[in-house]
Amino acid sequence: MYLVAIRLLLLAKEGWLDIDKDLVAASATPLVLTILEEGESYGYAILKRVRELSNGEMEWTDGMLYPLLHRLH
């Protein structure tokens, strides 16, 4: 599942897909949930895992992740 989300986010980043900001944010939610299925985690570890899964292509910031985690809480 997370590979699909990562690929869509990368295509949007590269300009291949015209996805608005809200949809990009919404597609990040399943990715985070999938990472959390692997086990409990915290913000920095999730950011690191996203970077690993995307082979360094996606660099999320605290400003993107923490509001998402807050909405999930």
Protein backbone atom coordinates (compact mmCIF):
# COMPACT_ATOMS: atom_id res chain seq x y z
CA MET A 1 0.00 0.00 0.00
CA TYR A 2 2.68 2.49 0.93
CA LEU A 3 4.45 1.97 -2.38
CA VAL A 4 1.36 3.15 -4.25
CA ALA A 5 1.03 6.23 -2.03
CA ILE A 6 4.73 7.04 -2.41
CA ARG A 7 4.59 6.70 -6.19
CA LEU A 8 1.55 8.98 -6.46
CA LEU A 9 3.19 11.59 -4.25
CA LEU A 10 6.40 11.43 -6.29
CA LEU A 11 4.51 11.78 -9.58
CA ALA A 12 2.78 14.87 -8.20
CA LYS A 13 6.09 16.28 -6.98
CA GLU A 14 7.68 15.74 -10.40
CA GLY A 15 4.79 17.48 -12.14
CA TRP A 16 3.44 14.39 -13.89
CA LEU A 17 0.17 14.58 -11.99
CA ASP A 18 -1.77 17.72 -11.27
CA ILE A 19 -2.82 17.00 -7.71
CA ASP A 20 -3.89 19.78 -5.41
CA LYS A 21 -2.32 20.28 -2.01
CA ASP A 22 -5.28 18.80 -0.11
CA LEU A 23 -5.12 15.57 -2.09
CA VAL A 24 -1.38 15.27 -1.51
CA ALA A 25 -1.96 15.71 2.22
CA ALA A 26 -4.80 13.17 2.15
CA SER A 27 -2.65 10.61 0.36
CA ALA A 28 -0.04 10.96 3.09
CA THR A 29 -2.49 9.59 5.66
CA PRO A 30 -2.57 5.99 4.33
CA LEU A 31 1.21 6.05 4.07
CA VAL A 32 1.58 7.06 7.72
CA LEU A 33 -1.02 4.51 8.82
CA THR A 34 0.81 1.78 6.92
CA ILE A 35 4.08 2.75 8.58
CA LEU A 36 2.37 2.66 11.97
CA GLU A 37 1.06 -0.85 11.19
CA GLU A 38 4.71 -1.94 11.29
CA GLY A 39 4.75 -0.97 14.97
CA GLU A 40 4.62 1.99 17.30
CA SER A 41 6.69 4.93 16.17
CA TYR A 42 7.29 8.61 16.75
CA GLY A 43 7.61 11.63 14.48
CA TYR A 44 11.30 11.50 13.61
CA ALA A 45 11.18 7.75 12.94
CA ILE A 46 8.17 8.19 10.63
CA LEU A 47 9.96 10.96 8.71
CA LYS A 48 13.01 8.70 8.40
CA ARG A 49 10.90 5.75 7.21
CA VAL A 50 9.20 7.87 4.53
CA ARG A 51 12.65 8.94 3.34
CA GLU A 52 13.79 5.28 3.27
CA LEU A 53 10.71 4.00 1.44
CA SER A 54 11.02 6.71 -1.21
CA ASN A 55 14.76 6.18 -1.65
CA GLY A 56 15.36 9.73 -0.45
CA GLU A 57 12.92 11.28 -2.93
CA MET A 58 10.44 12.47 -0.31
CA GLU A 59 11.60 14.83 2.41
CA TRP A 60 8.69 15.49 4.73
CA THR A 61 8.93 18.19 7.34
CA ASP A 62 7.64 18.31 10.90
CA GLY A 63 5.16 20.89 9.65
CA MET A 64 3.56 18.33 7.38
CA LEU A 65 3.70 15.29 9.64
CA TYR A 66 2.62 16.60 13.03
CA PRO A 67 -0.69 18.14 11.88
CA LEU A 68 -1.46 14.83 10.17
CA LEU A 69 -0.66 12.89 13.36
CA HIS A 70 -2.77 15.33 15.36
CA ARG A 71 -5.75 14.72 13.03
CA LEU A 72 -5.31 10.95 13.44
CA HIS A 73 -5.19 11.18 17.20
